[in-house]
């Protein structure tokens, strides 16, 4: 039996960029806060609608409305916010989208977080490479003792992350404008995703040729020493005297 480990590592381009945008409102009057939050959420929606073709999905991930207190139970101000999570597939317009969202009043943006799709083929390809590497090493070990791989016994996925890419933030960005009064442009360079896979493989090999394998061990042979048989209890031969008479 040969037990070997195979590992593969690959950097692949991301397939998705996730951005979080939060519209906020703050005022002493509760109804004013609610009205302003609704207006600002509409402005966010209008910007996202303009980039409909570049967006795969958008989801409201959180809404908050709460008072802030001052000196005990006295309400000093009301605060509200709504957060939308946006998944973008067209990275060419991602920088412009983030700039337009960031230009909105009382709006906060975060991201992008780069991702691969859950069904991405990158993970499967890396796992195949890890298995191929393990089998290559198993053949090398077998050849070292003049043997050959006989059969595959087991494959164990060792990777703690299951081959998943590591999430990463924005790599580089650059602002520039073609003219003094032109709108700024944001260039974003996608961060490569590192995909890793590691496996442990157990392979049975043929008996090594011209290699001492040690005495055959089939378990201790049980012997009984000199043959002992139960003695026949015959004693001297006794026969009933013949009664012959005279």
Protein backbone atom coordinates (compact mmCIF):
# COMPACT_ATOMS: atom_id res chain seq x y z
CA UNK A 1 0.00 0.00 0.00
CA UNK A 2 1.23 3.48 -0.92
CA UNK A 3 -0.27 6.60 0.70
CA UNK A 4 0.50 9.87 -1.09
CA UNK A 5 -0.70 13.46 -1.07
CA UNK A 6 -1.50 15.58 -4.10
CA UNK A 7 -2.04 19.32 -4.20
CA UNK A 8 -2.91 21.82 -6.92
CA UNK A 9 -3.10 25.61 -6.91
CA UNK A 10 -4.39 27.94 -9.59
CA UNK A 11 -5.15 31.65 -9.93
CA UNK A 12 -8.25 32.27 -12.01
CA UNK A 13 -10.16 35.44 -12.97
CA UNK A 14 -13.24 36.19 -10.86
CA UNK A 15 -16.70 35.74 -12.34
CA UNK A 16 -18.70 37.98 -10.01
CA UNK A 17 -18.22 41.25 -8.14
CA UNK A 18 -20.43 41.98 -5.13
CA UNK A 19 -21.04 45.57 -4.02
CA UNK A 20 -22.94 46.82 -0.99
CA UNK A 21 -24.73 50.19 -1.16
CA UNK A 22 -26.45 51.75 1.86
CA UNK A 23 -28.80 54.75 1.73
CA UNK A 24 -29.09 56.64 5.04
CA UNK A 25 -31.29 59.24 6.65
CA UNK A 26 -31.01 61.13 9.94
CA UNK A 27 -33.36 63.70 11.47
CA UNK A 28 -35.13 64.65 14.68
CA UNK A 29 -38.51 63.92 13.14
CA UNK A 30 -39.38 60.25 12.57
CA UNK A 31 -41.62 60.80 9.55
CA UNK A 32 -39.02 63.02 7.89
CA UNK A 33 -36.44 60.29 8.32
CA UNK A 34 -38.73 57.73 6.72
CA UNK A 35 -39.60 60.00 3.79
CA UNK A 36 -35.99 60.88 3.09
CA UNK A 37 -34.92 57.24 3.31
CA UNK A 38 -37.58 56.27 0.77
CA UNK A 39 -36.42 59.03 -1.59
CA UNK A 40 -32.77 58.04 -1.33
CA UNK A 41 -33.59 54.37 -1.82
CA UNK A 42 -35.42 55.37 -5.01
CA UNK A 43 -32.31 57.26 -6.22
CA UNK A 44 -30.23 54.12 -5.65
CA UNK A 45 -32.78 52.06 -7.58
CA UNK A 46 -32.67 54.48 -10.50
CA UNK A 47 -28.88 54.20 -10.76
CA UNK A 48 -29.03 50.41 -10.63
CA UNK A 49 -31.73 50.38 -13.31
CA UNK A 50 -29.35 52.25 -15.63
CA UNK A 51 -26.89 49.35 -15.35
CA UNK A 52 -29.45 46.58 -15.63
CA UNK A 53 -27.47 44.64 -18.26
CA UNK A 54 -24.36 44.52 -16.06
CA UNK A 55 -26.16 43.41 -12.91
CA UNK A 56 -27.01 39.76 -12.34
CA UNK A 57 -29.06 40.35 -9.20
CA UNK A 58 -29.73 42.89 -6.48
CA UNK A 59 -31.19 42.16 -3.08
CA UNK A 60 -32.24 44.21 -0.07
CA UNK A 61 -30.03 42.80 2.66
CA UNK A 62 -31.07 44.99 5.59
CA UNK A 63 -33.35 47.83 6.76
CA UNK A 64 -32.91 49.74 10.02
CA UNK A 65 -34.87 52.50 11.73
CA UNK A 66 -34.05 53.39 15.31
CA UNK A 67 -33.89 56.35 17.73
CA UNK A 68 -30.77 57.66 19.39
CA UNK A 69 -31.27 58.76 22.98
CA UNK A 70 -29.79 61.60 24.94
CA UNK A 71 -30.02 61.99 28.71
CA UNK A 72 -32.08 58.97 29.55
CA UNK A 73 -35.22 58.28 27.51
CA UNK A 74 -35.21 61.51 25.53
CA UNK A 75 -34.93 60.89 21.78
CA UNK A 76 -32.35 63.16 20.22
CA UNK A 77 -32.52 61.92 16.62
CA UNK A 78 -33.88 59.14 14.43
CA UNK A 79 -31.60 57.16 12.14
CA UNK A 80 -32.62 54.92 9.24
CA UNK A 81 -30.80 53.04 6.51
CA UNK A 82 -31.45 50.44 3.85
CA UNK A 83 -28.71 48.26 2.34
CA UNK A 84 -28.79 46.69 -1.11
CA UNK A 85 -26.38 43.97 -2.19
CA UNK A 86 -25.57 44.11 -5.90
CA UNK A 87 -23.94 41.31 -7.92
CA UNK A 88 -22.19 42.59 -11.06
CA UNK A 89 -20.94 40.50 -13.99
CA UNK A 90 -19.69 43.25 -16.32
CA UNK A 91 -16.51 44.54 -14.69
CA UNK A 92 -15.99 47.13 -17.42
CA UNK A 93 -18.72 49.37 -15.98
CA UNK A 94 -18.20 48.46 -12.32
CA UNK A 95 -16.07 51.51 -11.52
CA UNK A 96 -18.55 53.94 -13.08
CA UNK A 97 -21.43 52.26 -11.25
CA UNK A 98 -19.68 52.64 -7.90
CA UNK A 99 -18.89 56.29 -8.60
CA UNK A 100 -22.51 57.08 -9.46
CA UNK A 101 -23.74 55.34 -6.33
CA UNK A 102 -21.14 57.07 -4.21
CA UNK A 103 -22.21 60.48 -5.55
CA UNK A 104 -25.71 60.06 -4.14
CA UNK A 105 -26.55 62.04 -1.01
CA UNK A 106 -26.12 60.17 2.28
CA UNK A 107 -25.10 56.94 0.53
CA UNK A 108 -22.28 54.58 1.53
CA UNK A 109 -20.76 51.93 -0.75
CA UNK A 110 -18.44 49.02 0.04
CA UNK A 111 -16.69 46.42 -2.10
CA UNK A 112 -16.23 44.95 -4.51
CA UNK A 113 -15.85 41.44 -3.19
CA UNK A 114 -14.64 39.16 -5.98
CA UNK A 115 -16.12 35.69 -6.33
CA UNK A 116 -16.42 32.63 -8.51
CA UNK A 117 -19.80 31.13 -9.20
CA UNK A 118 -20.72 28.17 -6.96
CA UNK A 119 -20.88 25.95 -10.05
CA UNK A 120 -17.61 27.24 -11.50
CA UNK A 121 -15.52 24.64 -13.30
CA UNK A 122 -12.31 26.06 -11.80
CA UNK A 123 -12.70 24.08 -8.58
CA UNK A 124 -13.32 20.81 -10.40
CA UNK A 125 -10.30 21.33 -12.65
CA UNK A 126 -8.02 21.99 -9.69
CA UNK A 127 -9.28 18.89 -7.88
CA UNK A 128 -8.54 16.78 -10.95
CA UNK A 129 -5.03 18.21 -11.05
CA UNK A 130 -4.52 17.34 -7.38
CA UNK A 131 -5.61 13.73 -7.96
CA UNK A 132 -3.39 13.43 -11.04
CA UNK A 133 -0.43 14.71 -9.00
CA UNK A 134 -1.11 12.17 -6.24
CA UNK A 135 -1.33 9.28 -8.71
CA UNK A 136 1.91 10.38 -10.38
CA UNK A 137 3.67 10.28 -7.03
CA UNK A 138 2.19 6.87 -6.27
CA UNK A 139 3.61 5.50 -9.54
CA UNK A 140 7.01 6.96 -8.68
CA UNK A 141 7.03 5.30 -5.26
CA UNK A 142 5.96 1.99 -6.78
CA UNK A 143 8.67 2.19 -9.45
CA UNK A 144 11.30 2.83 -6.78
CA UNK A 145 10.78 -0.70 -5.47
CA UNK A 146 10.24 -2.33 -8.88
CA UNK A 147 6.49 -2.54 -8.39
CA UNK A 148 3.46 -1.19 -10.19
CA UNK A 149 0.21 0.38 -9.03
CA UNK A 150 -2.42 -2.32 -8.78
CA UNK A 151 -5.66 -0.62 -7.76
CA UNK A 152 -6.96 2.62 -6.29
CA UNK A 153 -8.17 2.08 -2.74
CA UNK A 154 -9.28 5.52 -1.54
CA UNK A 155 -9.32 9.25 -2.31
CA UNK A 156 -9.77 11.67 0.59
CA UNK A 157 -10.40 15.39 0.05
CA UNK A 158 -8.04 17.09 2.48
CA UNK A 159 -8.70 20.73 1.65
CA UNK A 160 -10.33 22.63 4.50
CA UNK A 161 -11.84 25.09 2.01
CA UNK A 162 -13.05 22.42 -0.38
CA UNK A 163 -11.32 24.12 -3.28
CA UNK A 164 -13.21 27.31 -2.77
CA UNK A 165 -11.56 30.60 -3.73
CA UNK A 166 -10.55 33.07 -1.09
CA UNK A 167 -12.74 36.21 -1.08
CA UNK A 168 -10.73 39.32 -1.85
CA UNK A 169 -11.39 43.02 -1.90
CA UNK A 170 -10.68 45.51 -4.66
CA UNK A 171 -7.14 45.13 -5.97
CA UNK A 172 -6.37 48.45 -7.61
CA UNK A 173 -8.36 51.46 -8.63
CA UNK A 174 -7.47 54.68 -10.38
CA UNK A 175 -9.44 57.88 -10.79
CA UNK A 176 -8.96 60.03 -13.85
CA UNK A 177 -10.84 62.59 -15.89
CA UNK A 178 -10.25 63.55 -19.50
CA UNK A 179 -11.03 67.21 -18.82
CA UNK A 180 -11.32 69.43 -15.81
CA UNK A 181 -15.13 69.46 -16.00
CA UNK A 182 -15.50 65.84 -17.05
CA UNK A 183 -17.00 63.27 -14.73
CA UNK A 184 -14.36 61.16 -12.97
CA UNK A 185 -13.77 57.63 -14.11
CA UNK A 186 -12.76 54.77 -11.84
CA UNK A 187 -10.69 51.90 -13.26
CA UNK A 188 -10.98 48.70 -11.25
CA UNK A 189 -8.73 45.73 -11.84
CA UNK A 190 -10.33 42.41 -10.85
CA UNK A 191 -8.47 40.40 -8.22
CA UNK A 192 -7.45 36.90 -9.29
CA UNK A 193 -9.00 34.17 -7.19
CA UNK A 194 -6.73 31.49 -5.73
CA UNK A 195 -8.31 28.06 -5.96
CA UNK A 196 -6.67 25.23 -4.00
CA UNK A 197 -7.30 21.50 -3.70
CA UNK A 198 -5.49 18.81 -1.72
CA UNK A 199 -6.18 15.07 -1.62
CA UNK A 200 -4.75 11.97 0.06
CA UNK A 201 -4.71 8.87 -2.15
CA UNK A 202 -4.19 5.26 -1.10
CA UNK A 203 -3.02 2.90 -3.83
CA UNK A 204 -2.36 -0.83 -3.63
CA UNK A 205 0.78 -1.92 -5.50
CA UNK A 206 2.01 -5.23 -6.84
CA UNK A 207 4.59 -7.19 -4.82
CA UNK A 208 8.02 -5.58 -5.30
CA UNK A 209 10.27 -7.49 -7.71
CA UNK A 210 13.72 -8.58 -6.41
CA UNK A 211 13.01 -6.93 -3.12
CA UNK A 212 13.18 -8.76 0.19
CA UNK A 213 9.81 -8.89 1.77
CA UNK A 214 10.81 -10.80 4.90
CA UNK A 215 9.73 -14.26 5.99
CA UNK A 216 6.20 -15.20 5.31
CA UNK A 217 4.20 -14.68 8.36
CA UNK A 218 1.06 -16.71 8.59
CA UNK A 219 0.71 -16.73 12.33
CA UNK A 220 2.49 -18.98 14.84
CA UNK A 221 2.28 -22.64 14.12
CA UNK A 222 0.75 -24.50 16.97
CA UNK A 223 2.67 -27.69 17.80
CA UNK A 224 1.88 -30.21 20.43
CA UNK A 225 5.39 -31.48 21.03
CA UNK A 226 6.04 -35.20 20.93
CA UNK A 227 3.07 -37.14 19.93
CA UNK A 228 1.28 -38.14 23.04
CA UNK A 229 -1.46 -40.59 23.05
CA UNK A 230 -3.47 -41.66 25.92
CA UNK A 231 -1.93 -44.85 27.27
CA UNK A 232 -3.99 -47.91 26.75
CA UNK A 233 -5.03 -49.14 30.07
CA UNK A 234 -4.58 -52.80 29.51
CA UNK A 235 -2.29 -53.83 32.36
CA UNK A 236 -1.07 -57.36 32.26
CA UNK A 237 -3.17 -59.50 30.10
CA UNK A 238 -5.70 -61.15 32.21
CA UNK A 239 -7.86 -63.88 30.97
CA UNK A 240 -10.44 -65.69 32.84
CA UNK A 241 -9.07 -69.06 33.93
CA UNK A 242 -10.41 -71.81 31.91
CA UNK A 243 -12.46 -74.15 33.97
CA UNK A 244 -11.62 -77.52 32.60
CA UNK A 245 -12.29 -79.85 35.44
CA UNK A 246 -10.35 -82.98 35.94
